[in-house]
Amino acid sequence: MSTQTTAPESRVDPGTPDPRPRRRLDGAWFARNGVYLALLVLVIVNVVITPYFVSASNLRLQLIQTAPVLIVALGMALVIGTKGIDLGVGSVMALSAAIMPLYIGYGTLPAILIGVAAGLVTGFLSGTLVARLGLQPIVATLAVLVGGRGLANVIGGQIKNLSDPGLVSLGSGSVVGIPYTVLIAAIVFVLVWFTVRRTTFGRALEAIGGNPRAAELAGLRIKRTLVTVYIVCGVLAAFAGVLAAARSQASDPRTLGLLMELNAIAAVVIGGTPLSGGKIRAVGTVAGALLMQLIVSTLVAHDIPDSVAQMIQAAVIVIAVYVQLGRKKA
């Protein structure tokens, strides 16, 4: 006589919650993915109402105009992730573009490197004021905003043409149909995304922004990390200034990078990175930059004044911050 054993049936007690997480279309889901939904809706609206929106030339133009903002915004996202802010990025752009013409006679690459070095120095200054001297980030970087723009005007003076072939190629050239500026912005995004998601430095940034005291007790070198992240932000802003000057083939310290700090902060906040720090959303920052650019281009395409576009951008920023506050309370 043989006995046959059967595995006991797995039963789920209806009184116990299902341990498997379920994705629900609730308020939190829309708060996390609102920027992508808004971008999708705006694209669909433009496809319907905007002539020639679906064209290779228009897509190329939108990406080229978004690239400098995105590069600056990615650096800003890293800083905001530490519960800081950098208001000096626009002035750093102007400063790097003003310095380049002074050294263009030594070659394109040396001039670019010296321009980017200006961002490294200003980033180091901002980081030192914040980390070493204990100044509030908004105060320290406000000083860089004012002083950097003034120094750019002293160095650059009036508009200077940049007809160097290397810079012209950088600003208007492409590889396999992809503009250099767009390709560079994509590379910067990949590097920032990898840094945030796959490196201890990225995790340290979020830890410092989330709970500085706990990060210090965990042995993180907070001051060194803060100085480093401001240097990275300054270098990215300086390189964005190089790209902007190369594209326009001119260096105008009075207008180049003007209000860029606000555009970058808007892209970061709309993309879901909280101003309270502790989290960095690189993909969301890309979507936020594209959304802000598409709002402006849509209004321009339909002959709506720039002042109205700025008010709409302000409303979008307020809504994004309000949504973040709602998520935090939840």
Protein backbone atom coordinates (compact mmCIF):
# COMPACT_ATOMS: atom_id res chain seq x y z
CA MET A 1 0.00 0.00 0.00
CA SER A 2 1.54 3.24 -1.08
CA THR A 3 0.97 6.57 0.46
CA GLN A 4 0.85 9.67 -1.69
CA THR A 5 1.65 13.03 -0.21
CA THR A 6 0.42 16.22 -1.76
CA ALA A 7 1.79 19.67 -1.21
CA PRO A 8 -0.44 21.76 0.94
CA GLU A 9 -2.42 24.32 -0.96
CA SER A 10 -1.30 27.87 -0.53
CA ARG A 11 -4.11 29.80 0.93
CA VAL A 12 -4.29 33.52 1.48
CA ASP A 13 -6.12 34.63 4.52
CA PRO A 14 -8.67 37.19 3.33
CA GLY A 15 -8.11 39.08 6.54
CA THR A 16 -4.40 39.75 5.86
CA PRO A 17 -3.22 42.34 3.33
CA ASP A 18 -1.60 41.20 0.08
CA PRO A 19 2.17 41.64 0.53
CA ARG A 20 2.65 42.35 -3.16
CA PRO A 21 2.67 46.09 -3.92
CA ARG A 22 0.03 47.29 -6.30
CA ARG A 23 0.36 50.33 -8.50
CA ARG A 24 -2.69 52.51 -8.15
CA LEU A 25 -3.68 55.57 -10.13
CA ASP A 26 -4.03 57.70 -7.03
CA GLY A 27 -2.90 61.24 -6.22
CA ALA A 28 0.62 60.13 -5.38
CA TRP A 29 0.98 58.42 -8.78
CA PHE A 30 -0.14 61.56 -10.62
CA ALA A 31 2.20 63.67 -8.47
CA ARG A 32 5.15 61.46 -9.43
CA ASN A 33 4.31 61.31 -13.11
CA GLY A 34 2.48 64.59 -13.66
CA VAL A 35 5.33 66.16 -15.62
CA TYR A 36 5.30 63.30 -18.14
CA LEU A 37 1.52 63.49 -18.53
CA ALA A 38 1.66 67.26 -18.98
CA LEU A 39 4.41 66.91 -21.59
CA LEU A 40 2.44 64.26 -23.45
CA VAL A 41 -0.74 66.36 -23.43
CA LEU A 42 1.14 69.43 -24.68
CA VAL A 43 2.72 67.44 -27.49
CA ILE A 44 -0.69 66.10 -28.55
CA VAL A 45 -2.19 69.61 -28.45
CA ASN A 46 0.63 70.94 -30.63
CA VAL A 47 0.23 68.11 -33.10
CA VAL A 48 -3.39 69.16 -33.52
CA ILE A 49 -3.24 72.96 -33.47
CA THR A 50 0.33 74.01 -34.34
CA PRO A 51 1.29 74.02 -38.03
CA TYR A 52 4.50 72.19 -38.97
CA PHE A 53 4.98 70.98 -35.40
CA VAL A 54 5.59 67.42 -36.57
CA SER A 55 8.72 68.02 -38.61
CA ALA A 56 12.37 67.16 -38.31
CA SER A 57 13.42 70.81 -38.39
CA ASN A 58 11.07 71.75 -35.54
CA LEU A 59 12.19 68.79 -33.43
CA ARG A 60 15.81 69.75 -34.03
CA LEU A 61 15.12 73.36 -33.04
CA GLN A 62 13.30 72.38 -29.83
CA LEU A 63 16.11 70.09 -28.73
CA ILE A 64 18.83 72.64 -29.53
CA GLN A 65 17.06 75.34 -27.51
CA THR A 66 16.49 72.95 -24.60
CA ALA A 67 20.07 71.64 -24.43
CA PRO A 68 21.77 74.54 -22.51
CA VAL A 69 18.86 74.77 -20.05
CA LEU A 70 18.99 71.02 -19.49
CA ILE A 71 22.74 71.02 -18.83
CA VAL A 72 22.37 73.78 -16.24
CA ALA A 73 19.26 72.15 -14.74
CA LEU A 74 21.03 68.81 -14.24
CA GLY A 75 23.75 70.55 -12.23
CA MET A 76 21.08 72.45 -10.33
CA ALA A 77 19.27 69.19 -9.54
CA LEU A 78 22.39 67.84 -7.83
CA VAL A 79 22.66 70.98 -5.70
CA ILE A 80 18.96 71.03 -4.82
CA GLY A 81 19.24 67.37 -3.86
CA THR A 82 21.51 68.50 -1.00
CA LYS A 83 18.87 71.03 0.11
CA GLY A 84 20.87 73.83 -1.49
CA ILE A 85 20.44 76.13 -4.46
CA ASP A 86 22.71 77.93 -6.93
CA LEU A 87 21.51 81.31 -8.15
CA GLY A 88 24.80 82.10 -9.87
CA VAL A 89 24.55 79.76 -12.86
CA GLY A 90 23.38 82.44 -15.30
CA SER A 91 26.25 84.73 -14.34
CA VAL A 92 28.69 81.82 -14.66
CA MET A 93 27.44 81.27 -18.22
CA ALA A 94 28.07 84.92 -19.05
CA LEU A 95 31.49 84.86 -17.37
CA SER A 96 32.70 81.81 -19.27
CA ALA A 97 31.51 83.26 -22.57
CA ALA A 98 33.21 86.59 -21.79
CA ILE A 99 36.55 84.93 -21.00
CA MET A 100 36.71 82.76 -24.13
CA PRO A 101 37.41 85.55 -26.66
CA LEU A 102 40.48 86.58 -24.67
CA TYR A 103 42.13 83.21 -25.29
CA ILE A 104 40.66 82.17 -28.63
CA GLY A 105 43.98 83.04 -30.27
CA TYR A 106 45.57 80.06 -28.48
CA GLY A 107 43.11 77.67 -30.11
CA THR A 108 39.52 76.55 -29.67
CA LEU A 109 40.12 73.89 -27.04
CA PRO A 110 42.28 76.06 -24.72
CA ALA A 111 39.70 78.85 -24.90
CA ILE A 112 36.89 76.43 -24.01
CA LEU A 113 38.86 74.89 -21.15
CA ILE A 114 39.66 78.31 -19.69
CA GLY A 115 36.00 79.31 -19.98
CA VAL A 116 34.96 76.11 -18.19
CA ALA A 117 37.66 76.73 -15.57
CA ALA A 118 35.82 79.94 -14.67
CA GLY A 119 32.86 77.78 -13.70
CA LEU A 120 35.11 75.57 -11.61
CA VAL A 121 36.46 78.57 -9.69
CA THR A 122 33.04 80.12 -9.06
CA GLY A 123 31.64 76.73 -8.04
CA PHE A 124 34.48 76.28 -5.60
CA LEU A 125 33.79 79.75 -4.20
CA SER A 126 30.08 79.04 -3.76
CA GLY A 127 30.74 75.64 -2.20
CA THR A 128 33.31 77.09 0.19
CA LEU A 129 30.96 79.84 1.31
CA VAL A 130 28.22 77.29 1.96
CA ALA A 131 30.19 74.36 3.38
CA ARG A 132 33.14 75.99 5.10
CA LEU A 133 31.78 79.36 6.20
CA GLY A 134 28.23 78.18 6.85
CA LEU A 135 26.43 80.78 4.70
CA GLN A 136 22.95 80.02 3.48
CA PRO A 137 23.13 78.75 -0.14
CA ILE A 138 20.73 81.43 -1.38
CA VAL A 139 22.93 84.18 0.14
CA ALA A 140 26.25 82.74 -1.04
CA THR A 141 25.11 82.13 -4.60
CA LEU A 142 23.29 85.45 -4.77
CA ALA A 143 26.68 87.08 -4.23
CA VAL A 144 28.05 85.03 -7.13
CA LEU A 145 25.07 86.05 -9.27
CA VAL A 146 25.72 89.76 -8.77
CA GLY A 147 29.51 89.66 -8.69
CA GLY A 148 29.84 87.18 -11.56
CA ARG A 149 27.65 89.24 -13.88
CA GLY A 150 29.57 92.38 -12.99
CA LEU A 151 32.92 90.68 -13.62
CA ALA A 152 31.65 89.35 -16.95
CA ASN A 153 30.71 92.87 -18.02
CA VAL A 154 34.12 94.20 -16.96
CA ILE A 155 35.97 91.47 -18.86
CA GLY A 156 33.74 91.18 -21.89
CA GLY A 157 32.45 94.71 -22.28
CA GLN A 158 30.24 94.90 -25.35
CA ILE A 159 29.20 92.12 -27.70
CA LYS A 160 32.13 90.27 -29.26
CA ASN A 161 31.82 88.11 -32.36
CA LEU A 162 33.06 84.52 -32.14
CA SER A 163 33.90 83.48 -35.67
CA ASP A 164 36.40 80.79 -34.71
CA PRO A 165 35.73 77.74 -36.95
CA GLY A 166 35.93 75.34 -34.03
CA LEU A 167 33.31 77.22 -32.01
CA VAL A 168 31.10 77.64 -35.07
CA SER A 169 31.25 73.89 -35.67
CA LEU A 170 30.48 73.20 -32.01
CA GLY A 171 27.44 75.48 -32.07
CA SER A 172 25.96 74.50 -35.43
CA GLY A 173 27.56 71.17 -36.36
CA SER A 174 26.12 67.69 -36.01
CA VAL A 175 27.03 64.02 -36.16
CA VAL A 176 24.74 61.56 -37.97
CA GLY A 177 22.12 64.30 -37.94
CA ILE A 178 22.28 64.92 -34.17
CA PRO A 179 23.47 68.44 -33.24
CA TYR A 180 26.57 68.54 -31.06
CA THR A 181 24.75 70.55 -28.40
CA VAL A 182 21.99 67.92 -28.13
CA LEU A 183 24.51 65.09 -28.07
CA ILE A 184 26.50 66.79 -25.31
CA ALA A 185 23.34 67.39 -23.28
CA ALA A 186 22.44 63.70 -23.64
CA ILE A 187 25.90 62.66 -22.45
CA VAL A 188 25.63 64.98 -19.44
CA PHE A 189 22.24 63.47 -18.60
CA VAL A 190 23.61 59.92 -18.72
CA LEU A 191 26.52 60.89 -16.48
CA VAL A 192 24.27 62.62 -13.95
CA TRP A 193 21.76 59.76 -13.98
CA PHE A 194 24.53 57.23 -13.45
CA THR A 195 26.03 59.34 -10.67
CA VAL A 196 22.73 59.60 -8.83
CA ARG A 197 21.66 55.99 -9.25
CA ARG A 198 24.87 54.00 -9.26
CA THR A 199 27.55 55.81 -7.23
CA THR A 200 28.18 56.45 -3.57
CA PHE A 201 28.59 60.16 -4.36
CA GLY A 202 25.02 60.34 -5.64
CA ARG A 203 23.69 58.51 -2.61
CA ALA A 204 25.69 60.84 -0.39
CA LEU A 205 24.04 63.86 -2.00
CA GLU A 206 20.57 62.51 -1.25
CA ALA A 207 21.59 61.50 2.26
CA ILE A 208 22.90 65.00 3.02
CA GLY A 209 19.74 66.59 1.67
CA GLY A 210 17.47 64.17 3.49
CA ASN A 211 19.11 64.29 6.93
CA PRO A 212 22.45 66.10 7.29
CA ARG A 213 22.88 65.07 10.93
CA ALA A 214 22.37 61.37 10.14
CA ALA A 215 24.73 61.68 7.16
CA GLU A 216 27.40 63.17 9.42
CA LEU A 217 26.96 60.41 11.98
CA ALA A 218 27.26 57.87 9.17
CA GLY A 219 30.73 59.18 8.41
CA LEU A 220 30.01 61.12 5.22
CA ARG A 221 32.36 64.00 4.45
CA ILE A 222 29.63 66.60 4.15
CA LYS A 223 31.78 69.67 3.58
CA ARG A 224 33.88 68.06 0.86
CA THR A 225 30.77 66.68 -0.83
CA LEU A 226 29.03 70.06 -0.81
CA VAL A 227 32.06 71.84 -2.27
CA THR A 228 32.29 69.17 -4.97
CA VAL A 229 28.62 69.40 -5.97
CA TYR A 230 28.81 73.20 -6.32
CA ILE A 231 31.93 72.79 -8.45
CA VAL A 232 30.07 70.33 -10.69
CA CYS A 233 27.15 72.75 -11.01
CA GLY A 234 29.50 75.62 -11.87
CA VAL A 235 31.37 73.59 -14.48
CA LEU A 236 28.12 72.51 -16.16
CA ALA A 237 26.86 76.11 -16.17
CA ALA A 238 30.13 77.33 -17.70
CA PHE A 239 29.98 74.67 -20.39
CA ALA A 240 26.38 75.63 -21.14
CA GLY A 241 27.62 79.20 -21.57
CA VAL A 242 30.25 77.98 -24.03
CA LEU A 243 27.59 76.15 -26.05
CA ALA A 244 25.23 79.15 -26.01
CA ALA A 245 27.98 81.50 -27.18
CA ALA A 246 29.09 79.03 -29.86
CA ARG A 247 25.55 78.71 -31.17
CA SER A 248 24.97 82.48 -31.37
CA GLN A 249 28.60 83.06 -32.49
CA ALA A 250 28.77 85.99 -30.10
CA SER A 251 29.59 86.76 -26.48
CA ASP A 252 27.22 89.22 -24.82
CA PRO A 253 27.83 89.32 -21.04
CA ARG A 254 24.78 91.54 -20.51
CA THR A 255 22.18 89.08 -21.79
CA LEU A 256 23.77 85.63 -22.04
CA GLY A 257 22.43 83.37 -19.30
CA LEU A 258 19.98 86.00 -18.08
CA LEU A 259 17.27 84.35 -15.90
CA MET A 260 18.84 80.96 -16.58
CA GLU A 261 18.87 80.22 -12.86
CA LEU A 262 15.09 80.54 -12.76
CA ASN A 263 14.60 78.35 -15.83
CA ALA A 264 16.89 75.69 -14.36
CA ILE A 265 15.16 75.72 -10.97
CA ALA A 266 11.79 75.51 -12.70
CA ALA A 267 12.85 72.47 -14.74
CA VAL A 268 14.18 70.74 -11.62
CA VAL A 269 11.10 71.44 -9.48
CA ILE A 270 8.62 70.56 -12.21
CA GLY A 271 10.60 67.37 -12.80
CA GLY A 272 9.86 66.23 -9.25
CA THR A 273 13.06 67.01 -7.33
CA PRO A 274 11.86 68.53 -4.03
CA LEU A 275 13.31 71.83 -2.86
CA SER A 276 13.55 70.25 0.59
CA GLY A 277 16.32 67.97 -0.72
CA GLY A 278 16.85 64.26 -0.21
CA LYS A 279 15.89 63.14 -3.72
CA ILE A 280 17.22 63.81 -7.23
CA ARG A 281 15.18 62.99 -10.33
CA ALA A 282 17.40 63.25 -13.41
CA VAL A 283 14.80 61.88 -15.85
CA GLY A 284 12.16 64.20 -14.41
CA THR A 285 14.52 67.14 -14.90
CA VAL A 286 14.78 66.31 -18.60
CA ALA A 287 10.99 66.21 -18.86
CA GLY A 288 10.72 69.48 -16.93
CA ALA A 289 13.17 71.25 -19.25
CA LEU A 290 11.36 69.97 -22.32
CA LEU A 291 7.99 71.00 -20.89
CA MET A 292 9.12 74.56 -20.14
CA GLN A 293 10.66 74.91 -23.59
CA LEU A 294 7.56 73.53 -25.29
CA ILE A 295 5.29 75.93 -23.38
CA VAL A 296 7.30 78.90 -24.61
CA SER A 297 7.55 77.67 -28.20
CA THR A 298 3.82 76.89 -28.33
CA LEU A 299 2.87 80.36 -27.20
CA VAL A 300 5.36 81.97 -29.60
CA ALA A 301 3.99 79.88 -32.48
CA HIS A 302 0.52 81.30 -31.77
CA ASP A 303 1.68 84.93 -31.45
CA ILE A 304 1.14 85.15 -27.70
CA PRO A 305 3.36 87.80 -26.05
CA ASP A 306 6.42 86.71 -24.14
CA SER A 307 5.08 88.36 -20.98
CA VAL A 308 2.10 85.99 -21.04
CA ALA A 309 4.45 83.04 -21.51
CA GLN A 310 6.39 84.07 -18.42
CA MET A 311 3.19 84.28 -16.36
CA ILE A 312 2.16 80.82 -17.52
CA GLN A 313 5.59 79.46 -16.61
CA ALA A 314 5.22 81.02 -13.16
CA ALA A 315 1.84 79.34 -12.73
CA VAL A 316 3.30 75.97 -13.72
CA ILE A 317 6.08 76.38 -11.13
CA VAL A 318 3.59 77.24 -8.38
CA ILE A 319 1.48 74.20 -9.25
CA ALA A 320 4.54 71.94 -9.22
CA VAL A 321 5.64 73.18 -5.79
CA TYR A 322 2.08 72.83 -4.46
CA VAL A 323 1.96 69.23 -5.67
CA GLN A 324 5.27 68.55 -3.93
CA LEU A 325 3.91 69.96 -0.68
CA GLY A 326 0.87 67.72 -1.01
CA ARG A 327 3.09 64.66 -1.45
CA LYS A 328 5.18 65.63 1.56
CA LYS A 329 2.10 65.95 3.78
CA ALA A 330 0.78 62.63 2.52
